[in-house]
Amino acid sequence: MSPGEAVHLLRTLVAAQVGTLLREVSAGPTFGLTDVDGIRRRQATLEESGLPDVASAASDLAHFDRDAEFEYTVDLLVAAARARIDGRRG
């Protein structure tokens, strides 16, 4: 990859890490909850939103698992970077 693209990739990885760290200290949006009662209340609110797609995803939207989110983010970024690099080679 070119130096310019490498810089973009580095900045993307750093931004993902900073976002994760901000969520760890509750300084950034989590988009869900971790306590059982809060999850239950949030899920009910989402299910009653009147938005069918939101209601169908309510159980996923209400819950937030930091570790799972971090793992998903890293896996996605690595897969995207690999696909981008492989596309340049092919």
PDB file of N, CA and C in Angstrom:
ATOM      1  N   MET A   1       0.847  -1.171   0.000  1.00  0.00           N
ATOM      2  CA  MET A   1       0.000   0.000   0.000  1.00  0.00           C
ATOM      3  C   MET A   1       0.884   1.223   0.000  1.00  0.00           C
ATOM      4  N   SER A   2       0.344   2.277  -0.501  1.00  0.00           N
ATOM      5  CA  SER A   2       1.118   3.516  -0.583  1.00  0.00           C
ATOM      6  C   SER A   2       1.288   4.123   0.816  1.00  0.00           C
ATOM      7  N   PRO A   3       2.289   4.987   0.970  1.00  0.00           N
ATOM      8  CA  PRO A   3       2.446   5.653   2.268  1.00  0.00           C
ATOM      9  C   PRO A   3       1.194   6.423   2.682  1.00  0.00           C
ATOM     10  N   GLY A   4       0.542   7.082   1.739  1.00  0.00           N
ATOM     11  CA  GLY A   4      -0.670   7.833   2.061  1.00  0.00           C
ATOM     12  C   GLY A   4      -1.780   6.924   2.575  1.00  0.00           C
ATOM     13  N   GLU A   5      -1.955   5.781   1.927  1.00  0.00           N
ATOM     14  CA  GLU A   5      -2.976   4.842   2.375  1.00  0.00           C
ATOM     15  C   GLU A   5      -2.606   4.223   3.720  1.00  0.00           C
ATOM     16  N   ALA A   6      -1.342   3.970   3.934  1.00  0.00           N
ATOM     17  CA  ALA A   6      -0.893   3.445   5.226  1.00  0.00           C
ATOM     18  C   ALA A   6      -1.211   4.431   6.347  1.00  0.00           C
ATOM     19  N   VAL A   7      -1.047   5.714   6.074  1.00  0.00           N
ATOM     20  CA  VAL A   7      -1.368   6.740   7.074  1.00  0.00           C
ATOM     21  C   VAL A   7      -2.870   6.732   7.358  1.00  0.00           C
ATOM     22  N   HIS A   8      -3.695   6.624   6.317  1.00  0.00           N
ATOM     23  CA  HIS A   8      -5.145   6.557   6.516  1.00  0.00           C
ATOM     24  C   HIS A   8      -5.514   5.344   7.378  1.00  0.00           C
ATOM     25  N   LEU A   9      -4.914   4.209   7.085  1.00  0.00           N
ATOM     26  CA  LEU A   9      -5.182   2.994   7.853  1.00  0.00           C
ATOM     27  C   LEU A   9      -4.762   3.178   9.307  1.00  0.00           C
ATOM     28  N   LEU A  10      -3.582   3.721   9.514  1.00  0.00           N
ATOM     29  CA  LEU A  10      -3.107   3.963  10.876  1.00  0.00           C
ATOM     30  C   LEU A  10      -4.070   4.868  11.638  1.00  0.00           C
ATOM     31  N   ARG A  11      -4.503   5.948  10.998  1.00  0.00           N
ATOM     32  CA  ARG A  11      -5.430   6.884  11.652  1.00  0.00           C
ATOM     33  C   ARG A  11      -6.766   6.213  11.960  1.00  0.00           C
ATOM     34  N   THR A  12      -7.227   5.349  11.084  1.00  0.00           N
ATOM     35  CA  THR A  12      -8.477   4.628  11.312  1.00  0.00           C
ATOM     36  C   THR A  12      -8.346   3.700  12.509  1.00  0.00           C
ATOM     37  N   LEU A  13      -7.244   2.977  12.582  1.00  0.00           N
ATOM     38  CA  LEU A  13      -7.015   2.069  13.710  1.00  0.00           C
ATOM     39  C   LEU A  13      -6.893   2.831  15.024  1.00  0.00           C
ATOM     40  N   VAL A  14      -6.210   3.952  15.009  1.00  0.00           N
ATOM     41  CA  VAL A  14      -6.069   4.778  16.209  1.00  0.00           C
ATOM     42  C   VAL A  14      -7.431   5.332  16.633  1.00  0.00           C
ATOM     43  N   ALA A  15      -8.234   5.787  15.670  1.00  0.00           N
ATOM     44  CA  ALA A  15      -9.559   6.320  15.989  1.00  0.00           C
ATOM     45  C   ALA A  15     -10.436   5.246  16.622  1.00  0.00           C
ATOM     46  N   ALA A  16     -10.372   4.037  16.107  1.00  0.00           N
ATOM     47  CA  ALA A  16     -11.150   2.941  16.691  1.00  0.00           C
ATOM     48  C   ALA A  16     -10.684   2.662  18.119  1.00  0.00           C
ATOM     49  N   GLN A  17      -9.385   2.685  18.337  1.00  0.00           N
ATOM     50  CA  GLN A  17      -8.848   2.436  19.675  1.00  0.00           C
ATOM     51  C   GLN A  17      -9.247   3.553  20.637  1.00  0.00           C
ATOM     52  N   VAL A  18      -9.152   4.788  20.200  1.00  0.00           N
ATOM     53  CA  VAL A  18      -9.531   5.920  21.059  1.00  0.00           C
ATOM     54  C   VAL A  18     -11.019   5.840  21.404  1.00  0.00           C
ATOM     55  N   GLY A  19     -11.848   5.529  20.419  1.00  0.00           N
ATOM     56  CA  GLY A  19     -13.279   5.381  20.671  1.00  0.00           C
ATOM     57  C   GLY A  19     -13.553   4.294  21.694  1.00  0.00           C
ATOM     58  N   THR A  20     -12.850   3.186  21.571  1.00  0.00           N
ATOM     59  CA  THR A  20     -13.009   2.093  22.526  1.00  0.00           C
ATOM     60  C   THR A  20     -12.586   2.535  23.923  1.00  0.00           C
ATOM     61  N   LEU A  21     -11.477   3.229  24.017  1.00  0.00           N
ATOM     62  CA  LEU A  21     -11.008   3.697  25.322  1.00  0.00           C
ATOM     63  C   LEU A  21     -11.970   4.706  25.943  1.00  0.00           C
ATOM     64  N   LEU A  22     -12.545   5.571  25.126  1.00  0.00           N
ATOM     65  CA  LEU A  22     -13.521   6.533  25.643  1.00  0.00           C
ATOM     66  C   LEU A  22     -14.753   5.827  26.201  1.00  0.00           C
ATOM     67  N   ARG A  23     -15.207   4.786  25.513  1.00  0.00           N
ATOM     68  CA  ARG A  23     -16.345   4.022  26.030  1.00  0.00           C
ATOM     69  C   ARG A  23     -15.979   3.322  27.324  1.00  0.00           C
ATOM     70  N   GLU A  24     -14.759   2.854  27.458  1.00  0.00           N
ATOM     71  CA  GLU A  24     -14.322   2.165  28.673  1.00  0.00           C
ATOM     72  C   GLU A  24     -14.436   3.051  29.902  1.00  0.00           C
ATOM     73  N   VAL A  25     -14.206   4.331  29.740  1.00  0.00           N
ATOM     74  CA  VAL A  25     -14.281   5.256  30.883  1.00  0.00           C
ATOM     75  C   VAL A  25     -15.581   6.059  30.854  1.00  0.00           C
ATOM     76  N   SER A  26     -16.550   5.568  30.083  1.00  0.00           N
ATOM     77  CA  SER A  26     -17.874   6.190  29.981  1.00  0.00           C
ATOM     78  C   SER A  26     -17.814   7.640  29.510  1.00  0.00           C
ATOM     79  N   ALA A  27     -16.852   7.950  28.657  1.00  0.00           N
ATOM     80  CA  ALA A  27     -16.734   9.306  28.111  1.00  0.00           C
ATOM     81  C   ALA A  27     -17.219   9.373  26.668  1.00  0.00           C
ATOM     82  N   GLY A  28     -17.698   8.272  26.159  1.00  0.00           N
ATOM     83  CA  GLY A  28     -18.203   8.230  24.798  1.00  0.00           C
ATOM     84  C   GLY A  28     -19.490   7.436  24.761  1.00  0.00           C
ATOM     85  N   PRO A  29     -20.198   7.480  23.669  1.00  0.00           N
ATOM     86  CA  PRO A  29     -21.474   6.761  23.583  1.00  0.00           C
ATOM     87  C   PRO A  29     -21.278   5.251  23.609  1.00  0.00           C
ATOM     88  N   THR A  30     -22.123   4.571  24.344  1.00  0.00           N
ATOM     89  CA  THR A  30     -22.085   3.113  24.370  1.00  0.00           C
ATOM     90  C   THR A  30     -23.193   2.514  23.523  1.00  0.00           C
ATOM     91  N   PHE A  31     -24.254   3.282  23.291  1.00  0.00           N
ATOM     92  CA  PHE A  31     -25.372   2.839  22.468  1.00  0.00           C
ATOM     93  C   PHE A  31     -26.108   1.646  23.054  1.00  0.00           C
ATOM     94  N   GLY A  32     -25.921   1.377  24.323  1.00  0.00           N
ATOM     95  CA  GLY A  32     -26.604   0.289  24.999  1.00  0.00           C
ATOM     96  C   GLY A  32     -26.213   0.278  26.458  1.00  0.00           C
ATOM     97  N   LEU A  33     -26.738  -0.669  27.191  1.00  0.00           N
ATOM     98  CA  LEU A  33     -26.514  -0.732  28.629  1.00  0.00           C
ATOM     99  C   LEU A  33     -25.897  -2.059  29.018  1.00  0.00           C
ATOM    100  N   THR A  34     -25.406  -2.124  30.247  1.00  0.00           N
ATOM    101  CA  THR A  34     -24.797  -3.356  30.733  1.00  0.00           C
ATOM    102  C   THR A  34     -25.558  -3.956  31.912  1.00  0.00           C
ATOM    103  N   ASP A  35     -26.418  -3.181  32.588  1.00  0.00           N
ATOM    104  CA  ASP A  35     -27.146  -3.727  33.737  1.00  0.00           C
ATOM    105  C   ASP A  35     -28.488  -4.314  33.285  1.00  0.00           C
ATOM    106  N   VAL A  36     -28.891  -5.411  33.922  1.00  0.00           N
ATOM    107  CA  VAL A  36     -30.059  -6.174  33.495  1.00  0.00           C
ATOM    108  C   VAL A  36     -31.335  -5.336  33.507  1.00  0.00           C
ATOM    109  N   ASP A  37     -31.574  -4.579  34.561  1.00  0.00           N
ATOM    110  CA  ASP A  37     -32.793  -3.761  34.627  1.00  0.00           C
ATOM    111  C   ASP A  37     -32.783  -2.665  33.562  1.00  0.00           C
ATOM    112  N   GLY A  38     -31.640  -2.024  33.374  1.00  0.00           N
ATOM    113  CA  GLY A  38     -31.529  -0.989  32.347  1.00  0.00           C
ATOM    114  C   GLY A  38     -31.752  -1.550  30.964  1.00  0.00           C
ATOM    115  N   ILE A  39     -31.203  -2.723  30.707  1.00  0.00           N
ATOM    116  CA  ILE A  39     -31.381  -3.375  29.407  1.00  0.00           C
ATOM    117  C   ILE A  39     -32.862  -3.661  29.175  1.00  0.00           C
ATOM    118  N   ARG A  40     -33.527  -4.174  30.189  1.00  0.00           N
ATOM    119  CA  ARG A  40     -34.949  -4.497  30.074  1.00  0.00           C
ATOM    120  C   ARG A  40     -35.781  -3.255  29.769  1.00  0.00           C
ATOM    121  N   ARG A  41     -35.510  -2.157  30.498  1.00  0.00           N
ATOM    122  CA  ARG A  41     -36.246  -0.908  30.261  1.00  0.00           C
ATOM    123  C   ARG A  41     -35.958  -0.356  28.863  1.00  0.00           C
ATOM    124  N   ARG A  42     -34.692  -0.368  28.473  1.00  0.00           N
ATOM    125  CA  ARG A  42     -34.297   0.159  27.151  1.00  0.00           C
ATOM    126  C   ARG A  42     -34.924  -0.671  26.040  1.00  0.00           C
ATOM    127  N   GLN A  43     -34.922  -1.984  26.216  1.00  0.00           N
ATOM    128  CA  GLN A  43     -35.513  -2.856  25.205  1.00  0.00           C
ATOM    129  C   GLN A  43     -37.004  -2.563  25.055  1.00  0.00           C
ATOM    130  N   ALA A  44     -37.713  -2.391  26.153  1.00  0.00           N
ATOM    131  CA  ALA A  44     -39.148  -2.078  26.096  1.00  0.00           C
ATOM    132  C   ALA A  44     -39.378  -0.761  25.364  1.00  0.00           C
ATOM    133  N   THR A  45     -38.574   0.240  25.669  1.00  0.00           N
ATOM    134  CA  THR A  45     -38.705   1.538  24.999  1.00  0.00           C
ATOM    135  C   THR A  45     -38.497   1.393  23.499  1.00  0.00           C
ATOM    136  N   LEU A  46     -37.479   0.647  23.115  1.00  0.00           N
ATOM    137  CA  LEU A  46     -37.188   0.448  21.693  1.00  0.00           C
ATOM    138  C   LEU A  46     -38.306  -0.331  21.003  1.00  0.00           C
ATOM    139  N   GLU A  47     -38.833  -1.352  21.676  1.00  0.00           N
ATOM    140  CA  GLU A  47     -39.908  -2.151  21.092  1.00  0.00           C
ATOM    141  C   GLU A  47     -41.170  -1.318  20.886  1.00  0.00           C
ATOM    142  N   GLU A  48     -41.361  -0.303  21.720  1.00  0.00           N
ATOM    143  CA  GLU A  48     -42.546   0.555  21.625  1.00  0.00           C
ATOM    144  C   GLU A  48     -42.303   1.791  20.749  1.00  0.00           C
ATOM    145  N   SER A  49     -41.209   1.833  20.037  1.00  0.00           N
ATOM    146  CA  SER A  49     -40.835   3.004  19.248  1.00  0.00           C
ATOM    147  C   SER A  49     -41.756   3.277  18.066  1.00  0.00           C
ATOM    148  N   GLY A  50     -42.474   2.265  17.621  1.00  0.00           N
ATOM    149  CA  GLY A  50     -43.290   2.427  16.422  1.00  0.00           C
ATOM    150  C   GLY A  50     -42.484   2.253  15.146  1.00  0.00           C
ATOM    151  N   LEU A  51     -41.210   1.936  15.296  1.00  0.00           N
ATOM    152  CA  LEU A  51     -40.317   1.711  14.149  1.00  0.00           C
ATOM    153  C   LEU A  51     -40.020   0.215  14.070  1.00  0.00           C
ATOM    154  N   PRO A  52     -40.583  -0.495  13.098  1.00  0.00           N
ATOM    155  CA  PRO A  52     -40.461  -1.949  13.049  1.00  0.00           C
ATOM    156  C   PRO A  52     -39.019  -2.468  13.024  1.00  0.00           C
ATOM    157  N   ASP A  53     -38.158  -1.806  12.287  1.00  0.00           N
ATOM    158  CA  ASP A  53     -36.767  -2.278  12.221  1.00  0.00           C
ATOM    159  C   ASP A  53     -36.048  -2.076  13.553  1.00  0.00           C
ATOM    160  N   VAL A  54     -36.335  -0.969  14.214  1.00  0.00           N
ATOM    161  CA  VAL A  54     -35.755  -0.718  15.541  1.00  0.00           C
ATOM    162  C   VAL A  54     -36.307  -1.737  16.529  1.00  0.00           C
ATOM    163  N   ALA A  55     -37.605  -1.972  16.485  1.00  0.00           N
ATOM    164  CA  ALA A  55     -38.233  -2.935  17.386  1.00  0.00           C
ATOM    165  C   ALA A  55     -37.657  -4.336  17.200  1.00  0.00           C
ATOM    166  N   SER A  56     -37.393  -4.717  15.956  1.00  0.00           N
ATOM    167  CA  SER A  56     -36.856  -6.066  15.707  1.00  0.00           C
ATOM    168  C   SER A  56     -35.415  -6.213  16.196  1.00  0.00           C
ATOM    169  N   ALA A  57     -34.710  -5.109  16.323  1.00  0.00           N
ATOM    170  CA  ALA A  57     -33.324  -5.141  16.814  1.00  0.00           C
ATOM    171  C   ALA A  57     -33.216  -4.712  18.273  1.00  0.00           C
ATOM    172  N   ALA A  58     -34.355  -4.544  18.938  1.00  0.00           N
ATOM    173  CA  ALA A  58     -34.365  -3.983  20.294  1.00  0.00           C
ATOM    174  C   ALA A  58     -33.477  -4.741  21.265  1.00  0.00           C
ATOM    175  N   SER A  59     -33.502  -6.064  21.237  1.00  0.00           N
ATOM    176  CA  SER A  59     -32.692  -6.815  22.202  1.00  0.00           C
ATOM    177  C   SER A  59     -31.198  -6.593  21.963  1.00  0.00           C
ATOM    178  N   ASP A  60     -30.803  -6.460  20.712  1.00  0.00           N
ATOM    179  CA  ASP A  60     -29.391  -6.191  20.403  1.00  0.00           C
ATOM    180  C   ASP A  60     -29.020  -4.750  20.711  1.00  0.00           C
ATOM    181  N   LEU A  61     -29.925  -3.816  20.427  1.00  0.00           N
ATOM    182  CA  LEU A  61     -29.650  -2.400  20.677  1.00  0.00           C
ATOM    183  C   LEU A  61     -29.589  -2.076  22.166  1.00  0.00           C
ATOM    184  N   ALA A  62     -30.377  -2.765  22.971  1.00  0.00           N
ATOM    185  CA  ALA A  62     -30.454  -2.458  24.407  1.00  0.00           C
ATOM    186  C   ALA A  62     -29.205  -2.908  25.154  1.00  0.00           C
ATOM    187  N   HIS A  63     -28.569  -3.959  24.696  1.00  0.00           N
ATOM    188  CA  HIS A  63     -27.430  -4.568  25.393  1.00  0.00           C
ATOM    189  C   HIS A  63     -26.114  -4.069  24.819  1.00  0.00           C
ATOM    190  N   PHE A  64     -25.133  -3.859  25.687  1.00  0.00           N
ATOM    191  CA  PHE A  64     -23.810  -3.434  25.223  1.00  0.00           C
ATOM    192  C   PHE A  64     -22.740  -4.272  25.906  1.00  0.00           C
ATOM    193  N   ASP A  65     -21.943  -4.962  25.120  1.00  0.00           N
ATOM    194  CA  ASP A  65     -20.847  -5.794  25.625  1.00  0.00           C
ATOM    195  C   ASP A  65     -19.548  -5.210  25.073  1.00  0.00           C
ATOM    196  N   ARG A  66     -18.797  -4.533  25.939  1.00  0.00           N
ATOM    197  CA  ARG A  66     -17.568  -3.855  25.506  1.00  0.00           C
ATOM    198  C   ARG A  66     -16.602  -4.785  24.793  1.00  0.00           C
ATOM    199  N   ASP A  67     -16.388  -5.947  25.384  1.00  0.00           N
ATOM    200  CA  ASP A  67     -15.426  -6.885  24.799  1.00  0.00           C
ATOM    201  C   ASP A  67     -15.867  -7.353  23.411  1.00  0.00           C
ATOM    202  N   ALA A  68     -17.143  -7.678  23.284  1.00  0.00           N
ATOM    203  CA  ALA A  68     -17.648  -8.137  21.987  1.00  0.00           C
ATOM    204  C   ALA A  68     -17.558  -7.030  20.945  1.00  0.00           C
ATOM    205  N   GLU A  69     -17.878  -5.806  21.347  1.00  0.00           N
ATOM    206  CA  GLU A  69     -17.796  -4.675  20.415  1.00  0.00           C
ATOM    207  C   GLU A  69     -16.359  -4.425  19.973  1.00  0.00           C
ATOM    208  N   PHE A  70     -15.421  -4.487  20.921  1.00  0.00           N
ATOM    209  CA  PHE A  70     -14.011  -4.274  20.576  1.00  0.00           C
ATOM    210  C   PHE A  70     -13.528  -5.360  19.620  1.00  0.00           C
ATOM    211  N   GLU A  71     -13.853  -6.610  19.930  1.00  0.00           N
ATOM    212  CA  GLU A  71     -13.423  -7.719  19.072  1.00  0.00           C
ATOM    213  C   GLU A  71     -14.005  -7.578  17.662  1.00  0.00           C
ATOM    214  N   TYR A  72     -15.276  -7.227  17.579  1.00  0.00           N
ATOM    215  CA  TYR A  72     -15.915  -7.041  16.273  1.00  0.00           C
ATOM    216  C   TYR A  72     -15.215  -5.921  15.492  1.00  0.00           C
ATOM    217  N   THR A  73     -14.937  -4.814  16.175  1.00  0.00           N
ATOM    218  CA  THR A  73     -14.295  -3.669  15.519  1.00  0.00           C
ATOM    219  C   THR A  73     -12.916  -4.042  14.984  1.00  0.00           C
ATOM    220  N   VAL A  74     -12.124  -4.701  15.799  1.00  0.00           N
ATOM    221  CA  VAL A  74     -10.777  -5.095  15.369  1.00  0.00           C
ATOM    222  C   VAL A  74     -10.861  -6.081  14.211  1.00  0.00           C
ATOM    223  N   ASP A  75     -11.717  -7.091  14.337  1.00  0.00           N
ATOM    224  CA  ASP A  75     -11.863  -8.070  13.256  1.00  0.00           C
ATOM    225  C   ASP A  75     -12.294  -7.403  11.948  1.00  0.00           C
ATOM    226  N   LEU A  76     -13.249  -6.477  12.040  1.00  0.00           N
ATOM    227  CA  LEU A  76     -13.731  -5.781  10.847  1.00  0.00           C
ATOM    228  C   LEU A  76     -12.630  -4.943  10.202  1.00  0.00           C
ATOM    229  N   LEU A  77     -11.892  -4.199  11.029  1.00  0.00           N
ATOM    230  CA  LEU A  77     -10.827  -3.357  10.478  1.00  0.00           C
ATOM    231  C   LEU A  77      -9.702  -4.184   9.860  1.00  0.00           C
ATOM    232  N   VAL A  78      -9.346  -5.276  10.505  1.00  0.00           N
ATOM    233  CA  VAL A  78      -8.296  -6.140   9.948  1.00  0.00           C
ATOM    234  C   VAL A  78      -8.772  -6.749   8.631  1.00  0.00           C
ATOM    235  N   ALA A  79     -10.013  -7.227   8.592  1.00  0.00           N
ATOM    236  CA  ALA A  79     -10.549  -7.813   7.348  1.00  0.00           C
ATOM    237  C   ALA A  79     -10.607  -6.770   6.237  1.00  0.00           C
ATOM    238  N   ALA A  80     -11.019  -5.558   6.572  1.00  0.00           N
ATOM    239  CA  ALA A  80     -11.089  -4.492   5.572  1.00  0.00           C
ATOM    240  C   ALA A  80      -9.698  -4.132   5.059  1.00  0.00           C
ATOM    241  N   ALA A  81      -8.741  -4.052   5.966  1.00  0.00           N
ATOM    242  CA  ALA A  81      -7.374  -3.728   5.560  1.00  0.00           C
ATOM    243  C   ALA A  81      -6.803  -4.831   4.672  1.00  0.00           C
ATOM    244  N   ARG A  82      -7.041  -6.087   5.044  1.00  0.00           N
ATOM    245  CA  ARG A  82      -6.550  -7.207   4.230  1.00  0.00           C
ATOM    246  C   ARG A  82      -7.183  -7.196   2.838  1.00  0.00           C
ATOM    247  N   ALA A  83      -8.490  -6.956   2.796  1.00  0.00           N
ATOM    248  CA  ALA A  83      -9.180  -6.934   1.500  1.00  0.00           C
ATOM    249  C   ALA A  83      -8.635  -5.796   0.648  1.00  0.00           C
ATOM    250  N   ARG A  84      -8.381  -4.669   1.266  1.00  0.00           N
ATOM    251  CA  ARG A  84      -7.858  -3.514   0.527  1.00  0.00           C
ATOM    252  C   ARG A  84      -6.468  -3.821  -0.014  1.00  0.00           C
ATOM    253  N   ILE A  85      -5.625  -4.408   0.816  1.00  0.00           N
ATOM    254  CA  ILE A  85      -4.253  -4.754   0.395  1.00  0.00           C
ATOM    255  C   ILE A  85      -4.292  -5.821  -0.695  1.00  0.00           C
ATOM    256  N   ASP A  86      -5.109  -6.861  -0.496  1.00  0.00           N
ATOM    257  CA  ASP A  86      -5.207  -7.923  -1.495  1.00  0.00           C
ATOM    258  C   ASP A  86      -5.758  -7.395  -2.813  1.00  0.00           C
ATOM    259  N   GLY A  87      -6.685  -6.434  -2.757  1.00  0.00           N
ATOM    260  CA  GLY A  87      -7.243  -5.827  -3.969  1.00  0.00           C
ATOM    261  C   GLY A  87      -6.183  -5.058  -4.737  1.00  0.00           C
ATOM    262  N   ARG A  88      -5.264  -4.472  -4.028  1.00  0.00           N
ATOM    263  CA  ARG A  88      -4.177  -3.736  -4.681  1.00  0.00           C
ATOM    264  C   ARG A  88      -3.182  -4.683  -5.362  1.00  0.00           C
ATOM    265  N   ARG A  89      -3.019  -5.873  -4.772  1.00  0.00           N
ATOM    266  CA  ARG A  89      -2.082  -6.847  -5.332  1.00  0.00           C
ATOM    267  C   ARG A  89      -2.657  -7.526  -6.564  1.00  0.00           C
ATOM    268  N   GLY A  90      -4.009  -7.729  -6.537  1.00  0.00           N
ATOM    269  CA  GLY A  90      -4.668  -8.490  -7.598  1.00  0.00           C
ATOM    270  C   GLY A  90      -4.924  -7.646  -8.779  1.00  0.00           C
TER     271      GLY A  90
END
